[in-house]
Amino acid sequence: VILNLITNAFYAVNEKANSDIEGYKPTVKITSKRTPLLGGVGGGPQSVQISISDNGNGIPDKVKEKIFQPFFTTKPTGQGTGLGLSMSYDIITKGHSGELLVTTRQGEGTTFKIIFPII
């Protein structure tokens, strides 16, 4: 899952770099932290959050609604199957009882957050 998200981030920053925007420096950032789950206080439930962020072009709203659907891809023919994010979503949510969230701003970049409960 993490490899898929990083590969997608590299693809996004490479696409933006190829558009010859002056002064653009492709950046992919990965962070992790331990946080309380929503409503957890003090010794309450904990989670691990892994974030993969890029400063690519971002995801348009009409595309964002579909990115976790099987076989949906924005990549040219032969460069993507449309299964990566769909399978990643299922692995995180169904296999590990976690969440896979996306925040994006068109022209500025995208962040995917993986949140796992610590049981």
PDB file of N, CA and C in Angstrom:
ATOM      1  N   VAL A   1       0.831  -1.192   0.000  1.00  0.00           N
ATOM      2  CA  VAL A   1       0.000   0.000   0.000  1.00  0.00           C
ATOM      3  C   VAL A   1       0.871   1.250   0.000  1.00  0.00           C
ATOM      4  N   ILE A   2       1.852   1.267   0.892  1.00  0.00           N
ATOM      5  CA  ILE A   2       2.719   2.445   0.977  1.00  0.00           C
ATOM      6  C   ILE A   2       3.521   2.608  -0.312  1.00  0.00           C
ATOM      7  N   LEU A   3       4.027   1.517  -0.849  1.00  0.00           N
ATOM      8  CA  LEU A   3       4.767   1.589  -2.109  1.00  0.00           C
ATOM      9  C   LEU A   3       3.880   2.128  -3.233  1.00  0.00           C
ATOM     10  N   ASN A   4       2.632   1.687  -3.287  1.00  0.00           N
ATOM     11  CA  ASN A   4       1.701   2.179  -4.305  1.00  0.00           C
ATOM     12  C   ASN A   4       1.470   3.682  -4.153  1.00  0.00           C
ATOM     13  N   LEU A   5       1.268   4.145  -2.935  1.00  0.00           N
ATOM     14  CA  LEU A   5       1.029   5.571  -2.705  1.00  0.00           C
ATOM     15  C   LEU A   5       2.261   6.408  -3.041  1.00  0.00           C
ATOM     16  N   ILE A   6       3.438   5.895  -2.713  1.00  0.00           N
ATOM     17  CA  ILE A   6       4.674   6.614  -3.049  1.00  0.00           C
ATOM     18  C   ILE A   6       4.865   6.654  -4.565  1.00  0.00           C
ATOM     19  N   THR A   7       4.631   5.533  -5.225  1.00  0.00           N
ATOM     20  CA  THR A   7       4.756   5.492  -6.686  1.00  0.00           C
ATOM     21  C   THR A   7       3.802   6.482  -7.341  1.00  0.00           C
ATOM     22  N   ASN A   8       2.574   6.555  -6.846  1.00  0.00           N
ATOM     23  CA  ASN A   8       1.606   7.517  -7.378  1.00  0.00           C
ATOM     24  C   ASN A   8       2.069   8.956  -7.130  1.00  0.00           C
ATOM     25  N   ALA A   9       2.651   9.213  -5.967  1.00  0.00           N
ATOM     26  CA  ALA A   9       3.156  10.555  -5.657  1.00  0.00           C
ATOM     27  C   ALA A   9       4.303  10.920  -6.590  1.00  0.00           C
ATOM     28  N   PHE A  10       5.214   9.972  -6.838  1.00  0.00           N
ATOM     29  CA  PHE A  10       6.317  10.229  -7.769  1.00  0.00           C
ATOM     30  C   PHE A  10       5.772  10.531  -9.169  1.00  0.00           C
ATOM     31  N   TYR A  11       4.761   9.797  -9.567  1.00  0.00           N
ATOM     32  CA  TYR A  11       4.144  10.031 -10.876  1.00  0.00           C
ATOM     33  C   TYR A  11       3.559  11.448 -10.937  1.00  0.00           C
ATOM     34  N   ALA A  12       2.879  11.855  -9.878  1.00  0.00           N
ATOM     35  CA  ALA A  12       2.243  13.171  -9.849  1.00  0.00           C
ATOM     36  C   ALA A  12       3.269  14.304  -9.917  1.00  0.00           C
ATOM     37  N   VAL A  13       4.351  14.209  -9.157  1.00  0.00           N
ATOM     38  CA  VAL A  13       5.347  15.279  -9.186  1.00  0.00           C
ATOM     39  C   VAL A  13       6.115  15.282 -10.501  1.00  0.00           C
ATOM     40  N   ASN A  14       6.312  14.106 -11.087  1.00  0.00           N
ATOM     41  CA  ASN A  14       6.983  14.035 -12.391  1.00  0.00           C
ATOM     42  C   ASN A  14       6.128  14.687 -13.477  1.00  0.00           C
ATOM     43  N   GLU A  15       4.826  14.442 -13.431  1.00  0.00           N
ATOM     44  CA  GLU A  15       3.918  15.074 -14.402  1.00  0.00           C
ATOM     45  C   GLU A  15       3.979  16.597 -14.290  1.00  0.00           C
ATOM     46  N   LYS A  16       3.979  17.105 -13.072  1.00  0.00           N
ATOM     47  CA  LYS A  16       4.038  18.550 -12.880  1.00  0.00           C
ATOM     48  C   LYS A  16       5.404  19.098 -13.296  1.00  0.00           C
ATOM     49  N   ALA A  17       6.483  18.363 -13.005  1.00  0.00           N
ATOM     50  CA  ALA A  17       7.829  18.795 -13.391  1.00  0.00           C
ATOM     51  C   ALA A  17       7.963  18.887 -14.906  1.00  0.00           C
ATOM     52  N   ASN A  18       7.291  17.982 -15.613  1.00  0.00           N
ATOM     53  CA  ASN A  18       7.351  17.991 -17.076  1.00  0.00           C
ATOM     54  C   ASN A  18       6.566  19.138 -17.697  1.00  0.00           C
ATOM     55  N   SER A  19       5.795  19.848 -16.898  1.00  0.00           N
ATOM     56  CA  SER A  19       5.032  20.992 -17.417  1.00  0.00           C
ATOM     57  C   SER A  19       5.856  22.276 -17.398  1.00  0.00           C
ATOM     58  N   ASP A  20       7.131  22.168 -17.016  1.00  0.00           N
ATOM     59  CA  ASP A  20       8.086  23.289 -17.055  1.00  0.00           C
ATOM     60  C   ASP A  20       7.644  24.512 -16.268  1.00  0.00           C
ATOM     61  N   ILE A  21       7.131  24.298 -15.074  1.00  0.00           N
ATOM     62  CA  ILE A  21       6.791  25.411 -14.195  1.00  0.00           C
ATOM     63  C   ILE A  21       8.089  25.934 -13.588  1.00  0.00           C
ATOM     64  N   GLU A  22       8.364  27.190 -13.784  1.00  0.00           N
ATOM     65  CA  GLU A  22       9.618  27.774 -13.324  1.00  0.00           C
ATOM     66  C   GLU A  22       9.727  27.704 -11.796  1.00  0.00           C
ATOM     67  N   GLY A  23      10.857  27.214 -11.326  1.00  0.00           N
ATOM     68  CA  GLY A  23      11.129  27.155  -9.895  1.00  0.00           C
ATOM     69  C   GLY A  23      10.489  25.984  -9.165  1.00  0.00           C
ATOM     70  N   TYR A  24       9.778  25.122  -9.880  1.00  0.00           N
ATOM     71  CA  TYR A  24       9.108  23.984  -9.241  1.00  0.00           C
ATOM     72  C   TYR A  24      10.127  22.946  -8.799  1.00  0.00           C
ATOM     73  N   LYS A  25      10.029  22.510  -7.552  1.00  0.00           N
ATOM     74  CA  LYS A  25      10.884  21.457  -7.012  1.00  0.00           C
ATOM     75  C   LYS A  25       9.996  20.306  -6.555  1.00  0.00           C
ATOM     76  N   PRO A  26      10.008  19.195  -7.294  1.00  0.00           N
ATOM     77  CA  PRO A  26       9.172  18.046  -6.909  1.00  0.00           C
ATOM     78  C   PRO A  26       9.495  17.576  -5.493  1.00  0.00           C
ATOM     79  N   THR A  27       8.446  17.374  -4.700  1.00  0.00           N
ATOM     80  CA  THR A  27       8.630  16.951  -3.311  1.00  0.00           C
ATOM     81  C   THR A  27       7.615  15.881  -2.940  1.00  0.00           C
ATOM     82  N   VAL A  28       8.108  14.807  -2.367  1.00  0.00           N
ATOM     83  CA  VAL A  28       7.262  13.767  -1.783  1.00  0.00           C
ATOM     84  C   VAL A  28       7.704  13.629  -0.337  1.00  0.00           C
ATOM     85  N   LYS A  29       6.743  13.689   0.572  1.00  0.00           N
ATOM     86  CA  LYS A  29       7.045  13.666   2.004  1.00  0.00           C
ATOM     87  C   LYS A  29       6.255  12.536   2.666  1.00  0.00           C
ATOM     88  N   ILE A  30       6.935  11.783   3.515  1.00  0.00           N
ATOM     89  CA  ILE A  30       6.297  10.684   4.244  1.00  0.00           C
ATOM     90  C   ILE A  30       6.485  10.937   5.728  1.00  0.00           C
ATOM     91  N   THR A  31       5.388  10.903   6.472  1.00  0.00           N
ATOM     92  CA  THR A  31       5.465  11.095   7.919  1.00  0.00           C
ATOM     93  C   THR A  31       4.646  10.012   8.618  1.00  0.00           C
ATOM     94  N   SER A  32       4.987   9.775   9.864  1.00  0.00           N
ATOM     95  CA  SER A  32       4.197   8.848  10.674  1.00  0.00           C
ATOM     96  C   SER A  32       4.099   9.420  12.078  1.00  0.00           C
ATOM     97  N   LYS A  33       2.994   9.108  12.728  1.00  0.00           N
ATOM     98  CA  LYS A  33       2.835   9.529  14.116  1.00  0.00           C
ATOM     99  C   LYS A  33       1.797   8.660  14.799  1.00  0.00           C
ATOM    100  N   ARG A  34       1.881   8.649  16.099  1.00  0.00           N
ATOM    101  CA  ARG A  34       0.918   7.940  16.930  1.00  0.00           C
ATOM    102  C   ARG A  34      -0.033   8.986  17.488  1.00  0.00           C
ATOM    103  N   THR A  35      -1.321   8.767  17.336  1.00  0.00           N
ATOM    104  CA  THR A  35      -2.304   9.762  17.755  1.00  0.00           C
ATOM    105  C   THR A  35      -3.476   9.094  18.470  1.00  0.00           C
ATOM    106  N   PRO A  36      -4.194   9.859  19.290  1.00  0.00           N
ATOM    107  CA  PRO A  36      -5.425   9.316  19.867  1.00  0.00           C
ATOM    108  C   PRO A  36      -6.483   9.213  18.769  1.00  0.00           C
ATOM    109  N   LEU A  37      -7.294   8.177  18.828  1.00  0.00           N
ATOM    110  CA  LEU A  37      -8.431   8.081  17.912  1.00  0.00           C
ATOM    111  C   LEU A  37      -9.436   9.161  18.273  1.00  0.00           C
ATOM    112  N   LEU A  38     -10.270   9.504  17.344  1.00  0.00           N
ATOM    113  CA  LEU A  38     -11.289  10.526  17.581  1.00  0.00           C
ATOM    114  C   LEU A  38     -12.063  10.173  18.845  1.00  0.00           C
ATOM    115  N   GLY A  39     -12.084  11.075  19.786  1.00  0.00           N
ATOM    116  CA  GLY A  39     -12.790  10.843  21.035  1.00  0.00           C
ATOM    117  C   GLY A  39     -11.940  10.166  22.097  1.00  0.00           C
ATOM    118  N   GLY A  40     -10.751   9.666  21.711  1.00  0.00           N
ATOM    119  CA  GLY A  40      -9.875   9.020  22.687  1.00  0.00           C
ATOM    120  C   GLY A  40      -9.179  10.062  23.545  1.00  0.00           C
ATOM    121  N   VAL A  41      -9.159   9.851  24.837  1.00  0.00           N
ATOM    122  CA  VAL A  41      -8.543  10.815  25.746  1.00  0.00           C
ATOM    123  C   VAL A  41      -7.543  10.077  26.632  1.00  0.00           C
ATOM    124  N   GLY A  42      -6.405  10.713  26.860  1.00  0.00           N
ATOM    125  CA  GLY A  42      -5.420  10.139  27.779  1.00  0.00           C
ATOM    126  C   GLY A  42      -5.035   8.733  27.398  1.00  0.00           C
ATOM    127  N   GLY A  43      -5.459   7.761  28.187  1.00  0.00           N
ATOM    128  CA  GLY A  43      -5.120   6.367  27.937  1.00  0.00           C
ATOM    129  C   GLY A  43      -6.097   5.676  27.004  1.00  0.00           C
ATOM    130  N   GLY A  44      -6.925   6.456  26.296  1.00  0.00           N
ATOM    131  CA  GLY A  44      -7.921   5.879  25.391  1.00  0.00           C
ATOM    132  C   GLY A  44      -7.296   5.248  24.161  1.00  0.00           C
ATOM    133  N   PRO A  45      -8.140   4.849  23.226  1.00  0.00           N
ATOM    134  CA  PRO A  45      -7.665   4.177  22.020  1.00  0.00           C
ATOM    135  C   PRO A  45      -6.653   5.028  21.246  1.00  0.00           C
ATOM    136  N   GLN A  46      -5.656   4.363  20.711  1.00  0.00           N
ATOM    137  CA  GLN A  46      -4.605   5.022  19.949  1.00  0.00           C
ATOM    138  C   GLN A  46      -4.642   4.557  18.497  1.00  0.00           C
ATOM    139  N   SER A  47      -3.999   5.343  17.623  1.00  0.00           N
ATOM    140  CA  SER A  47      -3.868   4.952  16.230  1.00  0.00           C
ATOM    141  C   SER A  47      -2.491   5.344  15.729  1.00  0.00           C
ATOM    142  N   VAL A  48      -2.089   4.715  14.642  1.00  0.00           N
ATOM    143  CA  VAL A  48      -0.882   5.092  13.927  1.00  0.00           C
ATOM    144  C   VAL A  48      -1.328   5.699  12.612  1.00  0.00           C
ATOM    145  N   GLN A  49      -0.759   6.862  12.297  1.00  0.00           N
ATOM    146  CA  GLN A  49      -1.115   7.561  11.066  1.00  0.00           C
ATOM    147  C   GLN A  49       0.126   7.697  10.193  1.00  0.00           C
ATOM    148  N   ILE A  50       0.027   7.253   8.955  1.00  0.00           N
ATOM    149  CA  ILE A  50       1.102   7.394   7.977  1.00  0.00           C
ATOM    150  C   ILE A  50       0.574   8.289   6.867  1.00  0.00           C
ATOM    151  N   SER A  51       1.303   9.373   6.578  1.00  0.00           N
ATOM    152  CA  SER A  51       0.887  10.322   5.540  1.00  0.00           C
ATOM    153  C   SER A  51       1.911  10.344   4.420  1.00  0.00           C
ATOM    154  N   ILE A  52       1.417  10.317   3.190  1.00  0.00           N
ATOM    155  CA  ILE A  52       2.258  10.466   2.007  1.00  0.00           C
ATOM    156  C   ILE A  52       1.730  11.677   1.260  1.00  0.00           C
ATOM    157  N   SER A  53       2.572  12.714   1.167  1.00  0.00           N
ATOM    158  CA  SER A  53       2.162  13.977   0.547  1.00  0.00           C
ATOM    159  C   SER A  53       3.048  14.283  -0.649  1.00  0.00           C
ATOM    160  N   ASP A  54       2.462  14.924  -1.649  1.00  0.00           N
ATOM    161  CA  ASP A  54       3.236  15.390  -2.791  1.00  0.00           C
ATOM    162  C   ASP A  54       2.807  16.808  -3.143  1.00  0.00           C
ATOM    163  N   ASN A  55       3.630  17.491  -3.895  1.00  0.00           N
ATOM    164  CA  ASN A  55       3.283  18.836  -4.364  1.00  0.00           C
ATOM    165  C   ASN A  55       3.047  18.833  -5.875  1.00  0.00           C
ATOM    166  N   GLY A  56       2.375  17.776  -6.329  1.00  0.00           N
ATOM    167  CA  GLY A  56       2.012  17.658  -7.744  1.00  0.00           C
ATOM    168  C   GLY A  56       0.821  18.541  -8.069  1.00  0.00           C
ATOM    169  N   ASN A  57       0.084  18.160  -9.097  1.00  0.00           N
ATOM    170  CA  ASN A  57      -1.043  18.973  -9.581  1.00  0.00           C
ATOM    171  C   ASN A  57      -2.316  18.823  -8.768  1.00  0.00           C
ATOM    172  N   GLY A  58      -2.368  17.864  -7.862  1.00  0.00           N
ATOM    173  CA  GLY A  58      -3.603  17.630  -7.117  1.00  0.00           C
ATOM    174  C   GLY A  58      -4.580  16.810  -7.938  1.00  0.00           C
ATOM    175  N   ILE A  59      -5.707  16.491  -7.340  1.00  0.00           N
ATOM    176  CA  ILE A  59      -6.720  15.654  -7.984  1.00  0.00           C
ATOM    177  C   ILE A  59      -7.996  16.470  -8.137  1.00  0.00           C
ATOM    178  N   PRO A  60      -8.497  16.603  -9.363  1.00  0.00           N
ATOM    179  CA  PRO A  60      -9.768  17.323  -9.542  1.00  0.00           C
ATOM    180  C   PRO A  60     -10.903  16.636  -8.781  1.00  0.00           C
ATOM    181  N   ASP A  61     -11.876  17.417  -8.303  1.00  0.00           N
ATOM    182  CA  ASP A  61     -12.988  16.870  -7.515  1.00  0.00           C
ATOM    183  C   ASP A  61     -13.717  15.738  -8.228  1.00  0.00           C
ATOM    184  N   LYS A  62     -13.978  15.879  -9.524  1.00  0.00           N
ATOM    185  CA  LYS A  62     -14.726  14.836 -10.245  1.00  0.00           C
ATOM    186  C   LYS A  62     -13.937  13.530 -10.331  1.00  0.00           C
ATOM    187  N   VAL A  63     -12.618  13.606 -10.295  1.00  0.00           N
ATOM    188  CA  VAL A  63     -11.769  12.419 -10.308  1.00  0.00           C
ATOM    189  C   VAL A  63     -11.639  11.858  -8.894  1.00  0.00           C
ATOM    190  N   LYS A  64     -11.537  12.726  -7.902  1.00  0.00           N
ATOM    191  CA  LYS A  64     -11.368  12.312  -6.504  1.00  0.00           C
ATOM    192  C   LYS A  64     -12.479  11.363  -6.064  1.00  0.00           C
ATOM    193  N   GLU A  65     -13.687  11.599  -6.555  1.00  0.00           N
ATOM    194  CA  GLU A  65     -14.832  10.757  -6.192  1.00  0.00           C
ATOM    195  C   GLU A  65     -14.671   9.318  -6.662  1.00  0.00           C
ATOM    196  N   LYS A  66     -13.812   9.084  -7.668  1.00  0.00           N
ATOM    197  CA  LYS A  66     -13.716   7.768  -8.292  1.00  0.00           C
ATOM    198  C   LYS A  66     -12.408   7.025  -8.012  1.00  0.00           C
ATOM    199  N   ILE A  67     -11.450   7.657  -7.353  1.00  0.00           N
ATOM    200  CA  ILE A  67     -10.108   7.078  -7.300  1.00  0.00           C
ATOM    201  C   ILE A  67     -10.013   5.727  -6.591  1.00  0.00           C
ATOM    202  N   PHE A  68     -10.954   5.414  -5.717  1.00  0.00           N
ATOM    203  CA  PHE A  68     -10.902   4.129  -5.026  1.00  0.00           C
ATOM    204  C   PHE A  68     -11.750   3.058  -5.732  1.00  0.00           C
ATOM    205  N   GLN A  69     -12.325   3.386  -6.887  1.00  0.00           N
ATOM    206  CA  GLN A  69     -13.115   2.411  -7.654  1.00  0.00           C
ATOM    207  C   GLN A  69     -12.184   1.514  -8.472  1.00  0.00           C
ATOM    208  N   PRO A  70     -12.487   0.212  -8.518  1.00  0.00           N
ATOM    209  CA  PRO A  70     -11.653  -0.698  -9.318  1.00  0.00           C
ATOM    210  C   PRO A  70     -11.622  -0.277 -10.787  1.00  0.00           C
ATOM    211  N   PHE A  71     -10.455  -0.372 -11.385  1.00  0.00           N
ATOM    212  CA  PHE A  71     -10.195  -0.124 -12.810  1.00  0.00           C
ATOM    213  C   PHE A  71     -10.287   1.338 -13.222  1.00  0.00           C
ATOM    214  N   PHE A  72     -10.450   2.260 -12.262  1.00  0.00           N
ATOM    215  CA  PHE A  72     -10.448   3.679 -12.613  1.00  0.00           C
ATOM    216  C   PHE A  72      -9.006   4.183 -12.607  1.00  0.00           C
ATOM    217  N   THR A  73      -8.577   4.787 -13.697  1.00  0.00           N
ATOM    218  CA  THR A  73      -7.237   5.351 -13.774  1.00  0.00           C
ATOM    219  C   THR A  73      -7.248   6.619 -14.607  1.00  0.00           C
ATOM    220  N   THR A  74      -6.348   7.510 -14.290  1.00  0.00           N
ATOM    221  CA  THR A  74      -6.171   8.722 -15.087  1.00  0.00           C
ATOM    222  C   THR A  74      -4.903   8.614 -15.922  1.00  0.00           C
ATOM    223  N   LYS A  75      -4.178   7.534 -15.747  1.00  0.00           N
ATOM    224  CA  LYS A  75      -2.927   7.349 -16.475  1.00  0.00           C
ATOM    225  C   LYS A  75      -3.210   6.880 -17.901  1.00  0.00           C
ATOM    226  N   PRO A  76      -2.277   7.172 -18.806  1.00  0.00           N
ATOM    227  CA  PRO A  76      -2.444   6.710 -20.201  1.00  0.00           C
ATOM    228  C   PRO A  76      -2.474   5.190 -20.281  1.00  0.00           C
ATOM    229  N   THR A  77      -3.055   4.680 -21.348  1.00  0.00           N
ATOM    230  CA  THR A  77      -3.133   3.239 -21.575  1.00  0.00           C
ATOM    231  C   THR A  77      -1.749   2.613 -21.461  1.00  0.00           C
ATOM    232  N   GLY A  78      -1.690   1.515 -20.724  1.00  0.00           N
ATOM    233  CA  GLY A  78      -0.437   0.806 -20.547  1.00  0.00           C
ATOM    234  C   GLY A  78       0.383   1.278 -19.356  1.00  0.00           C
ATOM    235  N   GLN A  79      -0.020   2.371 -18.702  1.00  0.00           N
ATOM    236  CA  GLN A  79       0.745   2.880 -17.575  1.00  0.00           C
ATOM    237  C   GLN A  79       0.046   2.674 -16.232  1.00  0.00           C
ATOM    238  N   GLY A  80      -1.189   2.224 -16.247  1.00  0.00           N
ATOM    239  CA  GLY A  80      -1.889   1.990 -14.991  1.00  0.00           C
ATOM    240  C   GLY A  80      -3.068   1.067 -15.197  1.00  0.00           C
ATOM    241  N   THR A  81      -3.328   0.202 -14.213  1.00  0.00           N
ATOM    242  CA  THR A  81      -4.441  -0.738 -14.313  1.00  0.00           C
ATOM    243  C   THR A  81      -5.706  -0.210 -13.657  1.00  0.00           C
ATOM    244  N   GLY A  82      -5.550   0.777 -12.783  1.00  0.00           N
ATOM    245  CA  GLY A  82      -6.700   1.255 -12.031  1.00  0.00           C
ATOM    246  C   GLY A  82      -7.027   0.375 -10.840  1.00  0.00           C
ATOM    247  N   LEU A  83      -6.098  -0.469 -10.457  1.00  0.00           N
ATOM    248  CA  LEU A  83      -6.340  -1.360  -9.319  1.00  0.00           C
ATOM    249  C   LEU A  83      -5.570  -0.957  -8.071  1.00  0.00           C
ATOM    250  N   GLY A  84      -4.528  -0.164  -8.204  1.00  0.00           N
ATOM    251  CA  GLY A  84      -3.660   0.172  -7.074  1.00  0.00           C
ATOM    252  C   GLY A  84      -4.387   0.795  -5.901  1.00  0.00           C
ATOM    253  N   LEU A  85      -5.109   1.885  -6.131  1.00  0.00           N
ATOM    254  CA  LEU A  85      -5.800   2.556  -5.032  1.00  0.00           C
ATOM    255  C   LEU A  85      -6.993   1.751  -4.542  1.00  0.00           C
ATOM    256  N   SER A  86      -7.665   1.056  -5.444  1.00  0.00           N
ATOM    257  CA  SER A  86      -8.795   0.214  -5.047  1.00  0.00           C
ATOM    258  C   SER A  86      -8.328  -0.895  -4.110  1.00  0.00           C
ATOM    259  N   MET A  87      -7.266  -1.575  -4.489  1.00  0.00           N
ATOM    260  CA  MET A  87      -6.735  -2.651  -3.649  1.00  0.00           C
ATOM    261  C   MET A  87      -6.167  -2.097  -2.347  1.00  0.00           C
ATOM    262  N   SER A  88      -5.496  -0.955  -2.421  1.00  0.00           N
ATOM    263  CA  SER A  88      -4.957  -0.326  -1.220  1.00  0.00           C
ATOM    264  C   SER A  88      -6.072   0.004  -0.238  1.00  0.00           C
ATOM    265  N   TYR A  89      -7.150   0.549  -0.750  1.00  0.00           N
ATOM    266  CA  TYR A  89      -8.299   0.900   0.088  1.00  0.00           C
ATOM    267  C   TYR A  89      -8.852  -0.345   0.786  1.00  0.00           C
ATOM    268  N   ASP A  90      -9.027  -1.424   0.021  1.00  0.00           N
ATOM    269  CA  ASP A  90      -9.546  -2.663   0.601  1.00  0.00           C
ATOM    270  C   ASP A  90      -8.594  -3.253   1.640  1.00  0.00           C
ATOM    271  N   ILE A  91      -7.298  -3.224   1.361  1.00  0.00           N
ATOM    272  CA  ILE A  91      -6.317  -3.767   2.303  1.00  0.00           C
ATOM    273  C   ILE A  91      -6.376  -3.010   3.627  1.00  0.00           C
ATOM    274  N   ILE A  92      -6.420  -1.682   3.544  1.00  0.00           N
ATOM    275  CA  ILE A  92      -6.424  -0.862   4.759  1.00  0.00           C
ATOM    276  C   ILE A  92      -7.743  -0.990   5.512  1.00  0.00           C
ATOM    277  N   THR A  93      -8.873  -0.837   4.802  1.00  0.00           N
ATOM    278  CA  THR A  93     -10.169  -0.789   5.481  1.00  0.00           C
ATOM    279  C   THR A  93     -10.688  -2.168   5.874  1.00  0.00           C
ATOM    280  N   LYS A  94     -10.585  -3.128   4.967  1.00  0.00           N
ATOM    281  CA  LYS A  94     -11.136  -4.458   5.250  1.00  0.00           C
ATOM    282  C   LYS A  94     -10.127  -5.369   5.936  1.00  0.00           C
ATOM    283  N   GLY A  95      -8.878  -5.294   5.521  1.00  0.00           N
ATOM    284  CA  GLY A  95      -7.859  -6.183   6.076  1.00  0.00           C
ATOM    285  C   GLY A  95      -7.314  -5.736   7.418  1.00  0.00           C
ATOM    286  N   HIS A  96      -7.319  -4.412   7.670  1.00  0.00           N
ATOM    287  CA  HIS A  96      -6.692  -3.911   8.891  1.00  0.00           C
ATOM    288  C   HIS A  96      -7.598  -2.991   9.708  1.00  0.00           C
ATOM    289  N   SER A  97      -8.875  -2.920   9.369  1.00  0.00           N
ATOM    290  CA  SER A  97      -9.851  -2.083  10.088  1.00  0.00           C
ATOM    291  C   SER A  97      -9.388  -0.634  10.229  1.00  0.00           C
ATOM    292  N   GLY A  98      -8.708  -0.144   9.184  1.00  0.00           N
ATOM    293  CA  GLY A  98      -8.204   1.224   9.217  1.00  0.00           C
ATOM    294  C   GLY A  98      -8.967   2.132   8.267  1.00  0.00           C
ATOM    295  N   GLU A  99      -8.362   3.267   8.000  1.00  0.00           N
ATOM    296  CA  GLU A  99      -8.942   4.240   7.080  1.00  0.00           C
ATOM    297  C   GLU A  99      -7.877   4.665   6.085  1.00  0.00           C
ATOM    298  N   LEU A 100      -8.300   4.944   4.851  1.00  0.00           N
ATOM    299  CA  LEU A 100      -7.440   5.539   3.839  1.00  0.00           C
ATOM    300  C   LEU A 100      -8.152   6.795   3.369  1.00  0.00           C
ATOM    301  N   LEU A 101      -7.571   7.948   3.705  1.00  0.00           N
ATOM    302  CA  LEU A 101      -8.190   9.234   3.427  1.00  0.00           C
ATOM    303  C   LEU A 101      -7.348  10.009   2.433  1.00  0.00           C
ATOM    304  N   VAL A 102      -7.993  10.870   1.666  1.00  0.00           N
ATOM    305  CA  VAL A 102      -7.266  11.708   0.718  1.00  0.00           C
ATOM    306  C   VAL A 102      -7.711  13.158   0.868  1.00  0.00           C
ATOM    307  N   THR A 103      -6.747  14.065   0.893  1.00  0.00           N
ATOM    308  CA  THR A 103      -7.026  15.491   0.816  1.00  0.00           C
ATOM    309  C   THR A 103      -6.187  16.022  -0.327  1.00  0.00           C
ATOM    310  N   THR A 104      -6.755  16.937  -1.091  1.00  0.00           N
ATOM    311  CA  THR A 104      -6.064  17.421  -2.275  1.00  0.00           C
ATOM    312  C   THR A 104      -6.483  18.841  -2.591  1.00  0.00           C
ATOM    313  N   ARG A 105      -5.572  19.568  -3.177  1.00  0.00           N
ATOM    314  CA  ARG A 105      -5.864  20.920  -3.668  1.00  0.00           C
ATOM    315  C   ARG A 105      -5.314  20.987  -5.075  1.00  0.00           C
ATOM    316  N   GLN A 106      -6.194  21.262  -6.007  1.00  0.00           N
ATOM    317  CA  GLN A 106      -5.782  21.305  -7.399  1.00  0.00           C
ATOM    318  C   GLN A 106      -4.690  22.356  -7.596  1.00  0.00           C
ATOM    319  N   GLY A 107      -3.614  21.947  -8.239  1.00  0.00           N
ATOM    320  CA  GLY A 107      -2.474  22.816  -8.477  1.00  0.00           C
ATOM    321  C   GLY A 107      -1.461  22.847  -7.346  1.00  0.00           C
ATOM    322  N   GLU A 108      -1.806  22.261  -6.184  1.00  0.00           N
ATOM    323  CA  GLU A 108      -0.920  22.330  -5.020  1.00  0.00           C
ATOM    324  C   GLU A 108      -0.424  20.971  -4.527  1.00  0.00           C
ATOM    325  N   GLY A 109      -1.209  19.926  -4.692  1.00  0.00           N
ATOM    326  CA  GLY A 109      -0.748  18.615  -4.259  1.00  0.00           C
ATOM    327  C   GLY A 109      -1.812  17.793  -3.570  1.00  0.00           C
ATOM    328  N   THR A 110      -1.361  16.619  -3.103  1.00  0.00           N
ATOM    329  CA  THR A 110      -2.267  15.629  -2.522  1.00  0.00           C
ATOM    330  C   THR A 110      -1.608  14.963  -1.318  1.00  0.00           C
ATOM    331  N   THR A 111      -2.432  14.627  -0.330  1.00  0.00           N
ATOM    332  CA  THR A 111      -1.971  13.855   0.821  1.00  0.00           C
ATOM    333  C   THR A 111      -2.906  12.667   1.023  1.00  0.00           C
ATOM    334  N   PHE A 112      -2.317  11.492   1.115  1.00  0.00           N
ATOM    335  CA  PHE A 112      -3.049  10.290   1.494  1.00  0.00           C
ATOM    336  C   PHE A 112      -2.661   9.965   2.921  1.00  0.00           C
ATOM    337  N   LYS A 113      -3.667   9.679   3.756  1.00  0.00           N
ATOM    338  CA  LYS A 113      -3.413   9.294   5.151  1.00  0.00           C
ATOM    339  C   LYS A 113      -3.940   7.892   5.382  1.00  0.00           C
ATOM    340  N   ILE A 114      -3.063   7.059   5.932  1.00  0.00           N
ATOM    341  CA  ILE A 114      -3.438   5.722   6.358  1.00  0.00           C
ATOM    342  C   ILE A 114      -3.534   5.779   7.877  1.00  0.00           C
ATOM    343  N   ILE A 115      -4.667   5.362   8.417  1.00  0.00           N
ATOM    344  CA  ILE A 115      -4.855   5.383   9.867  1.00  0.00           C
ATOM    345  C   ILE A 115      -5.223   3.976  10.333  1.00  0.00           C
ATOM    346  N   PHE A 116      -4.369   3.420  11.211  1.00  0.00           N
ATOM    347  CA  PHE A 116      -4.587   2.098  11.779  1.00  0.00           C
ATOM    348  C   PHE A 116      -4.884   2.231  13.263  1.00  0.00           C
ATOM    349  N   PRO A 117      -5.924   1.574  13.754  1.00  0.00           N
ATOM    350  CA  PRO A 117      -6.113   1.544  15.203  1.00  0.00           C
ATOM    351  C   PRO A 117      -5.076   0.640  15.846  1.00  0.00           C
ATOM    352  N   ILE A 118      -4.611   1.038  17.026  1.00  0.00           N
ATOM    353  CA  ILE A 118      -3.712   0.181  17.802  1.00  0.00           C
ATOM    354  C   ILE A 118      -4.594  -0.582  18.781  1.00  0.00           C
ATOM    355  N   ILE A 119      -4.593  -1.865  18.628  1.00  0.00           N
ATOM    356  CA  ILE A 119      -5.507  -2.702  19.438  1.00  0.00           C
ATOM    357  C   ILE A 119      -4.770  -3.261  20.627  1.00  0.00           C
TER     358      ILE A 119
END
